[in-house]
Each structure stands twice: as C-alpha cells, then as structure tokens.
Amino acid sequence: ATSAGLRAWRERQRRGSVMRPETFAKIE
C-alpha cells in the first residue's frame, strides 16, 4: 500500500512533519 512515490516523499519530509514523535508514543 506504500508506493515508491509515498516513500520518496516521506524521506524528503523533516522529522516530525508527518507525525510528531510524542503522538506516535501516545498511540503506542
């Protein structure tokens, strides 16, 4: 479900721009 375009786009994003680390930890 994760296309090559999506993976490439995500790599170009700054850390925390997709989801904050705190949010990830909270969901976990």
PDB file of all heavy atoms in Angstrom:
ATOM      1  N   ALA A   1       0.824  -1.208   0.000  1.00  0.00           N
ATOM      2  CA  ALA A   1       0.000   0.000   0.000  1.00  0.00           C
ATOM      3  C   ALA A   1       0.861   1.263   0.000  1.00  0.00           C
ATOM      4  O   ALA A   1       0.366   2.341  -0.307  1.00  0.00           O
ATOM      5  CB  ALA A   1      -0.934   0.003   1.199  1.00  0.00           C
ATOM      6  N   THR A   2       2.143   1.145   0.359  1.00  0.00           N
ATOM      7  CA  THR A   2       3.024   2.314   0.357  1.00  0.00           C
ATOM      8  C   THR A   2       3.773   2.330  -0.970  1.00  0.00           C
ATOM      9  O   THR A   2       4.662   1.523  -1.197  1.00  0.00           O
ATOM     10  CB  THR A   2       4.018   2.296   1.532  1.00  0.00           C
ATOM     11  OG1 THR A   2       4.785   1.107   1.462  1.00  0.00           O
ATOM     12  CG2 THR A   2       3.313   2.358   2.856  1.00  0.00           C
ATOM     13  N   SER A   3       3.406   3.237  -1.819  1.00  0.00           N
ATOM     14  CA  SER A   3       4.016   3.320  -3.135  1.00  0.00           C
ATOM     15  C   SER A   3       5.422   3.894  -3.037  1.00  0.00           C
ATOM     16  O   SER A   3       5.809   4.483  -2.024  1.00  0.00           O
ATOM     17  CB  SER A   3       3.166   4.210  -4.035  1.00  0.00           C
ATOM     18  OG  SER A   3       3.186   5.535  -3.546  1.00  0.00           O
ATOM     19  N   ALA A   4       6.173   3.746  -4.105  1.00  0.00           N
ATOM     20  CA  ALA A   4       7.528   4.301  -4.145  1.00  0.00           C
ATOM     21  C   ALA A   4       7.469   5.822  -4.026  1.00  0.00           C
ATOM     22  O   ALA A   4       8.330   6.432  -3.384  1.00  0.00           O
ATOM     23  CB  ALA A   4       8.212   3.892  -5.445  1.00  0.00           C
ATOM     24  N   GLY A   5       6.443   6.427  -4.619  1.00  0.00           N
ATOM     25  CA  GLY A   5       6.288   7.882  -4.530  1.00  0.00           C
ATOM     26  C   GLY A   5       6.061   8.338  -3.097  1.00  0.00           C
ATOM     27  O   GLY A   5       6.627   9.333  -2.651  1.00  0.00           O
ATOM     28  N   LEU A   6       5.236   7.592  -2.367  1.00  0.00           N
ATOM     29  CA  LEU A   6       4.970   7.920  -0.965  1.00  0.00           C
ATOM     30  C   LEU A   6       6.242   7.789  -0.132  1.00  0.00           C
ATOM     31  O   LEU A   6       6.560   8.664   0.675  1.00  0.00           O
ATOM     32  CB  LEU A   6       3.879   7.009  -0.404  1.00  0.00           C
ATOM     33  CG  LEU A   6       3.638   7.066   1.105  1.00  0.00           C
ATOM     34  CD1 LEU A   6       3.213   8.461   1.535  1.00  0.00           C
ATOM     35  CD2 LEU A   6       2.597   6.047   1.509  1.00  0.00           C
ATOM     36  N   ARG A   7       6.987   6.706  -0.337  1.00  0.00           N
ATOM     37  CA  ARG A   7       8.223   6.515   0.432  1.00  0.00           C
ATOM     38  C   ARG A   7       9.236   7.610   0.127  1.00  0.00           C
ATOM     39  O   ARG A   7       9.883   8.136   1.027  1.00  0.00           O
ATOM     40  CB  ARG A   7       8.808   5.136   0.150  1.00  0.00           C
ATOM     41  CG  ARG A   7       7.992   4.010   0.778  1.00  0.00           C
ATOM     42  CD  ARG A   7       8.712   2.685   0.717  1.00  0.00           C
ATOM     43  NE  ARG A   7       9.096   2.285  -0.626  1.00  0.00           N
ATOM     44  CZ  ARG A   7       8.348   1.558  -1.433  1.00  0.00           C
ATOM     45  NH1 ARG A   7       7.173   1.137  -1.045  1.00  0.00           N
ATOM     46  NH2 ARG A   7       8.774   1.243  -2.640  1.00  0.00           N
ATOM     47  N   ALA A   8       9.361   7.982  -1.144  1.00  0.00           N
ATOM     48  CA  ALA A   8      10.294   9.043  -1.516  1.00  0.00           C
ATOM     49  C   ALA A   8       9.863  10.384  -0.921  1.00  0.00           C
ATOM     50  O   ALA A   8      10.696  11.154  -0.428  1.00  0.00           O
ATOM     51  CB  ALA A   8      10.392   9.155  -3.033  1.00  0.00           C
ATOM     52  N   TRP A   9       8.549  10.654  -0.945  1.00  0.00           N
ATOM     53  CA  TRP A   9       8.031  11.904  -0.380  1.00  0.00           C
ATOM     54  C   TRP A   9       8.309  11.964   1.122  1.00  0.00           C
ATOM     55  O   TRP A   9       8.725  12.979   1.648  1.00  0.00           O
ATOM     56  CB  TRP A   9       6.523  11.982  -0.636  1.00  0.00           C
ATOM     57  CG  TRP A   9       5.856  13.138   0.018  1.00  0.00           C
ATOM     58  CD1 TRP A   9       5.779  14.414  -0.447  1.00  0.00           C
ATOM     59  CD2 TRP A   9       5.175  13.142   1.278  1.00  0.00           C
ATOM     60  NE1 TRP A   9       5.084  15.198   0.450  1.00  0.00           N
ATOM     61  CE2 TRP A   9       4.712  14.446   1.514  1.00  0.00           C
ATOM     62  CE3 TRP A   9       4.922  12.155   2.226  1.00  0.00           C
ATOM     63  CZ2 TRP A   9       4.011  14.785   2.656  1.00  0.00           C
ATOM     64  CZ3 TRP A   9       4.219  12.494   3.362  1.00  0.00           C
ATOM     65  CH2 TRP A   9       3.769  13.802   3.559  1.00  0.00           C
ATOM     66  N   ARG A  10       8.089  10.838   1.812  1.00  0.00           N
ATOM     67  CA  ARG A  10       8.299  10.802   3.258  1.00  0.00           C
ATOM     68  C   ARG A  10       9.760  11.048   3.617  1.00  0.00           C
ATOM     69  O   ARG A  10      10.073  11.732   4.589  1.00  0.00           O
ATOM     70  CB  ARG A  10       7.850   9.472   3.846  1.00  0.00           C
ATOM     71  CG  ARG A  10       7.904   9.482   5.369  1.00  0.00           C
ATOM     72  CD  ARG A  10       7.749   8.110   5.943  1.00  0.00           C
ATOM     73  NE  ARG A  10       8.792   7.195   5.575  1.00  0.00           N
ATOM     74  CZ  ARG A  10       9.956   7.066   6.222  1.00  0.00           C
ATOM     75  NH1 ARG A  10      10.224   7.814   7.248  1.00  0.00           N
ATOM     76  NH2 ARG A  10      10.839   6.180   5.824  1.00  0.00           N
ATOM     77  N   GLU A  11      10.669  10.522   2.821  1.00  0.00           N
ATOM     78  CA  GLU A  11      12.095  10.730   3.096  1.00  0.00           C
ATOM     79  C   GLU A  11      12.489  12.194   2.953  1.00  0.00           C
ATOM     80  O   GLU A  11      13.428  12.642   3.596  1.00  0.00           O
ATOM     81  CB  GLU A  11      12.946   9.874   2.169  1.00  0.00           C
ATOM     82  CG  GLU A  11      12.895   8.406   2.529  1.00  0.00           C
ATOM     83  CD  GLU A  11      13.636   7.540   1.534  1.00  0.00           C
ATOM     84  OE1 GLU A  11      14.303   8.098   0.637  1.00  0.00           O
ATOM     85  OE2 GLU A  11      13.541   6.309   1.660  1.00  0.00           O
ATOM     86  N   ARG A  12      11.782  12.935   2.124  1.00  0.00           N
ATOM     87  CA  ARG A  12      12.094  14.363   1.934  1.00  0.00           C
ATOM     88  C   ARG A  12      11.526  15.245   3.045  1.00  0.00           C
ATOM     89  O   ARG A  12      11.909  16.401   3.154  1.00  0.00           O
ATOM     90  CB  ARG A  12      11.559  14.839   0.587  1.00  0.00           C
ATOM     91  CG  ARG A  12      12.291  14.267  -0.600  1.00  0.00           C
ATOM     92  CD  ARG A  12      11.911  14.975  -1.892  1.00  0.00           C
ATOM     93  NE  ARG A  12      10.488  14.984  -2.153  1.00  0.00           N
ATOM     94  CZ  ARG A  12       9.824  14.094  -2.871  1.00  0.00           C
ATOM     95  NH1 ARG A  12      10.477  13.065  -3.392  1.00  0.00           N
ATOM     96  NH2 ARG A  12       8.536  14.201  -3.076  1.00  0.00           N
ATOM     97  N   GLN A  13      10.627  14.694   3.855  1.00  0.00           N
ATOM     98  CA  GLN A  13       9.993  15.495   4.903  1.00  0.00           C
ATOM     99  C   GLN A  13      10.909  15.619   6.119  1.00  0.00           C
ATOM    100  O   GLN A  13      11.701  14.734   6.405  1.00  0.00           O
ATOM    101  CB  GLN A  13       8.668  14.861   5.343  1.00  0.00           C
ATOM    102  CG  GLN A  13       7.681  14.652   4.229  1.00  0.00           C
ATOM    103  CD  GLN A  13       7.452  15.908   3.417  1.00  0.00           C
ATOM    104  OE1 GLN A  13       7.051  16.924   3.945  1.00  0.00           O
ATOM    105  NE2 GLN A  13       7.721  15.828   2.126  1.00  0.00           N
ATOM    106  N   ARG A  14      10.768  16.745   6.822  1.00  0.00           N
ATOM    107  CA  ARG A  14      11.530  16.923   8.059  1.00  0.00           C
ATOM    108  C   ARG A  14      10.984  16.011   9.144  1.00  0.00           C
ATOM    109  O   ARG A  14       9.808  15.625   9.108  1.00  0.00           O
ATOM    110  CB  ARG A  14      11.442  18.376   8.526  1.00  0.00           C
ATOM    111  CG  ARG A  14      12.217  19.327   7.656  1.00  0.00           C
ATOM    112  CD  ARG A  14      12.402  20.672   8.342  1.00  0.00           C
ATOM    113  NE  ARG A  14      11.182  21.170   8.955  1.00  0.00           N
ATOM    114  CZ  ARG A  14      10.448  22.158   8.465  1.00  0.00           C
ATOM    115  NH1 ARG A  14      10.806  22.763   7.364  1.00  0.00           N
ATOM    116  NH2 ARG A  14       9.351  22.552   9.088  1.00  0.00           N
ATOM    117  N   ARG A  15      11.813  15.717  10.121  1.00  0.00           N
ATOM    118  CA  ARG A  15      11.406  14.865  11.234  1.00  0.00           C
ATOM    119  C   ARG A  15      10.217  15.505  11.965  1.00  0.00           C
ATOM    120  O   ARG A  15      10.245  16.687  12.273  1.00  0.00           O
ATOM    121  CB  ARG A  15      12.567  14.704  12.199  1.00  0.00           C
ATOM    122  CG  ARG A  15      12.265  13.770  13.350  1.00  0.00           C
ATOM    123  CD  ARG A  15      13.495  13.637  14.233  1.00  0.00           C
ATOM    124  NE  ARG A  15      13.319  12.600  15.236  1.00  0.00           N
ATOM    125  CZ  ARG A  15      12.755  12.801  16.417  1.00  0.00           C
ATOM    126  NH1 ARG A  15      12.317  13.993  16.754  1.00  0.00           N
ATOM    127  NH2 ARG A  15      12.635  11.811  17.278  1.00  0.00           N
ATOM    128  N   GLY A  16       9.200  14.709  12.193  1.00  0.00           N
ATOM    129  CA  GLY A  16       8.040  15.199  12.913  1.00  0.00           C
ATOM    130  C   GLY A  16       6.999  15.892  12.060  1.00  0.00           C
ATOM    131  O   GLY A  16       5.963  16.315  12.574  1.00  0.00           O
ATOM    132  N   SER A  17       7.247  16.029  10.759  1.00  0.00           N
ATOM    133  CA  SER A  17       6.264  16.719   9.923  1.00  0.00           C
ATOM    134  C   SER A  17       5.094  15.809   9.547  1.00  0.00           C
ATOM    135  O   SER A  17       3.996  16.293   9.303  1.00  0.00           O
ATOM    136  CB  SER A  17       6.919  17.285   8.664  1.00  0.00           C
ATOM    137  OG  SER A  17       7.377  16.242   7.844  1.00  0.00           O
ATOM    138  N   VAL A  18       5.309  14.519   9.509  1.00  0.00           N
ATOM    139  CA  VAL A  18       4.216  13.591   9.221  1.00  0.00           C
ATOM    140  C   VAL A  18       3.444  13.330  10.507  1.00  0.00           C
ATOM    141  O   VAL A  18       2.227  13.464  10.555  1.00  0.00           O
ATOM    142  CB  VAL A  18       4.745  12.264   8.633  1.00  0.00           C
ATOM    143  CG1 VAL A  18       3.627  11.254   8.484  1.00  0.00           C
ATOM    144  CG2 VAL A  18       5.409  12.509   7.295  1.00  0.00           C
ATOM    145  N   MET A  19       4.154  12.976  11.560  1.00  0.00           N
ATOM    146  CA  MET A  19       3.537  12.745  12.864  1.00  0.00           C
ATOM    147  C   MET A  19       4.595  13.041  13.924  1.00  0.00           C
ATOM    148  O   MET A  19       5.733  12.599  13.799  1.00  0.00           O
ATOM    149  CB  MET A  19       3.067  11.293  13.000  1.00  0.00           C
ATOM    150  CG  MET A  19       2.411  10.993  14.325  1.00  0.00           C
ATOM    151  SD  MET A  19       1.981   9.251  14.503  1.00  0.00           S
ATOM    152  CE  MET A  19       0.512   9.164  13.495  1.00  0.00           C
ATOM    153  N   ARG A  20       4.205  13.791  14.930  1.00  0.00           N
ATOM    154  CA  ARG A  20       5.153  14.110  15.999  1.00  0.00           C
ATOM    155  C   ARG A  20       5.549  12.842  16.754  1.00  0.00           C
ATOM    156  O   ARG A  20       4.711  11.958  16.953  1.00  0.00           O
ATOM    157  CB  ARG A  20       4.530  15.085  16.978  1.00  0.00           C
ATOM    158  CG  ARG A  20       4.331  16.446  16.424  1.00  0.00           C
ATOM    159  CD  ARG A  20       3.802  17.347  17.510  1.00  0.00           C
ATOM    160  NE  ARG A  20       3.462  18.642  16.970  1.00  0.00           N
ATOM    161  CZ  ARG A  20       2.512  19.401  17.443  1.00  0.00           C
ATOM    162  NH1 ARG A  20       1.796  19.002  18.473  1.00  0.00           N
ATOM    163  NH2 ARG A  20       2.260  20.571  16.905  1.00  0.00           N
ATOM    164  N   PRO A  21       6.791  12.753  17.197  1.00  0.00           N
ATOM    165  CA  PRO A  21       7.210  11.582  17.970  1.00  0.00           C
ATOM    166  C   PRO A  21       6.365  11.373  19.230  1.00  0.00           C
ATOM    167  O   PRO A  21       6.087  10.231  19.618  1.00  0.00           O
ATOM    168  CB  PRO A  21       8.666  11.888  18.334  1.00  0.00           C
ATOM    169  CG  PRO A  21       9.127  12.842  17.295  1.00  0.00           C
ATOM    170  CD  PRO A  21       7.924  13.650  16.921  1.00  0.00           C
ATOM    171  N   GLU A  22       5.922  12.482  19.855  1.00  0.00           N
ATOM    172  CA  GLU A  22       5.086  12.351  21.054  1.00  0.00           C
ATOM    173  C   GLU A  22       3.754  11.690  20.712  1.00  0.00           C
ATOM    174  O   GLU A  22       3.226  10.891  21.492  1.00  0.00           O
ATOM    175  CB  GLU A  22       4.795  13.723  21.688  1.00  0.00           C
ATOM    176  CG  GLU A  22       6.014  14.558  22.016  1.00  0.00           C
ATOM    177  CD  GLU A  22       6.458  15.423  20.842  1.00  0.00           C
ATOM    178  OE1 GLU A  22       5.640  16.186  20.306  1.00  0.00           O
ATOM    179  OE2 GLU A  22       7.634  15.336  20.488  1.00  0.00           O
ATOM    180  N   THR A  23       3.204  12.035  19.554  1.00  0.00           N
ATOM    181  CA  THR A  23       1.932  11.454  19.128  1.00  0.00           C
ATOM    182  C   THR A  23       2.093   9.960  18.883  1.00  0.00           C
ATOM    183  O   THR A  23       1.251   9.157  19.283  1.00  0.00           O
ATOM    184  CB  THR A  23       1.422  12.142  17.850  1.00  0.00           C
ATOM    185  OG1 THR A  23       1.374  13.549  18.076  1.00  0.00           O
ATOM    186  CG2 THR A  23       0.055  11.641  17.453  1.00  0.00           C
ATOM    187  N   PHE A  24       3.205   9.589  18.233  1.00  0.00           N
ATOM    188  CA  PHE A  24       3.488   8.176  17.974  1.00  0.00           C
ATOM    189  C   PHE A  24       3.563   7.413  19.300  1.00  0.00           C
ATOM    190  O   PHE A  24       2.955   6.351  19.460  1.00  0.00           O
ATOM    191  CB  PHE A  24       4.803   8.041  17.201  1.00  0.00           C
ATOM    192  CG  PHE A  24       5.075   6.657  16.699  1.00  0.00           C
ATOM    193  CD1 PHE A  24       4.637   6.257  15.453  1.00  0.00           C
ATOM    194  CD2 PHE A  24       5.775   5.743  17.468  1.00  0.00           C
ATOM    195  CE1 PHE A  24       4.893   4.982  14.981  1.00  0.00           C
ATOM    196  CE2 PHE A  24       6.031   4.466  17.019  1.00  0.00           C
ATOM    197  CZ  PHE A  24       5.592   4.090  15.768  1.00  0.00           C
ATOM    198  N   ALA A  25       4.290   7.986  20.269  1.00  0.00           N
ATOM    199  CA  ALA A  25       4.440   7.341  21.576  1.00  0.00           C
ATOM    200  C   ALA A  25       3.100   7.242  22.296  1.00  0.00           C
ATOM    201  O   ALA A  25       2.812   6.233  22.964  1.00  0.00           O
ATOM    202  CB  ALA A  25       5.450   8.107  22.416  1.00  0.00           C
ATOM    203  N   LYS A  26       2.275   8.276  22.163  1.00  0.00           N
ATOM    204  CA  LYS A  26       0.964   8.275  22.819  1.00  0.00           C
ATOM    205  C   LYS A  26       0.079   7.163  22.251  1.00  0.00           C
ATOM    206  O   LYS A  26      -0.575   6.442  23.009  1.00  0.00           O
ATOM    207  CB  LYS A  26       0.295   9.637  22.632  1.00  0.00           C
ATOM    208  CG  LYS A  26      -1.002   9.795  23.399  1.00  0.00           C
ATOM    209  CD  LYS A  26      -1.443  11.239  23.424  1.00  0.00           C
ATOM    210  CE  LYS A  26      -2.434  11.494  22.317  1.00  0.00           C
ATOM    211  NZ  LYS A  26      -2.993  12.845  22.339  1.00  0.00           N
ATOM    212  N   ILE A  27       0.100   7.001  20.932  1.00  0.00           N
ATOM    213  CA  ILE A  27      -0.692   5.942  20.296  1.00  0.00           C
ATOM    214  C   ILE A  27      -0.177   4.583  20.750  1.00  0.00           C
ATOM    215  O   ILE A  27      -0.958   3.669  21.048  1.00  0.00           O
ATOM    216  CB  ILE A  27      -0.638   6.069  18.755  1.00  0.00           C
ATOM    217  CG1 ILE A  27      -1.349   7.337  18.309  1.00  0.00           C
ATOM    218  CG2 ILE A  27      -1.243   4.843  18.083  1.00  0.00           C
ATOM    219  CD1 ILE A  27      -1.141   7.689  16.858  1.00  0.00           C
ATOM    220  N   GLU A  28       1.148   4.474  20.840  1.00  0.00           N
ATOM    221  CA  GLU A  28       1.764   3.221  21.279  1.00  0.00           C
ATOM    222  C   GLU A  28       1.336   2.876  22.719  1.00  0.00           C
ATOM    223  O   GLU A  28       0.979   1.730  23.012  1.00  0.00           O
ATOM    224  CB  GLU A  28       3.282   3.381  21.208  1.00  0.00           C
ATOM    225  CG  GLU A  28       4.035   2.120  20.959  1.00  0.00           C
ATOM    226  CD  GLU A  28       5.495   2.360  20.686  1.00  0.00           C
ATOM    227  OE1 GLU A  28       5.949   3.522  20.627  1.00  0.00           O
ATOM    228  OE2 GLU A  28       6.198   1.358  20.550  1.00  0.00           O
TER     229      GLU A  28
END
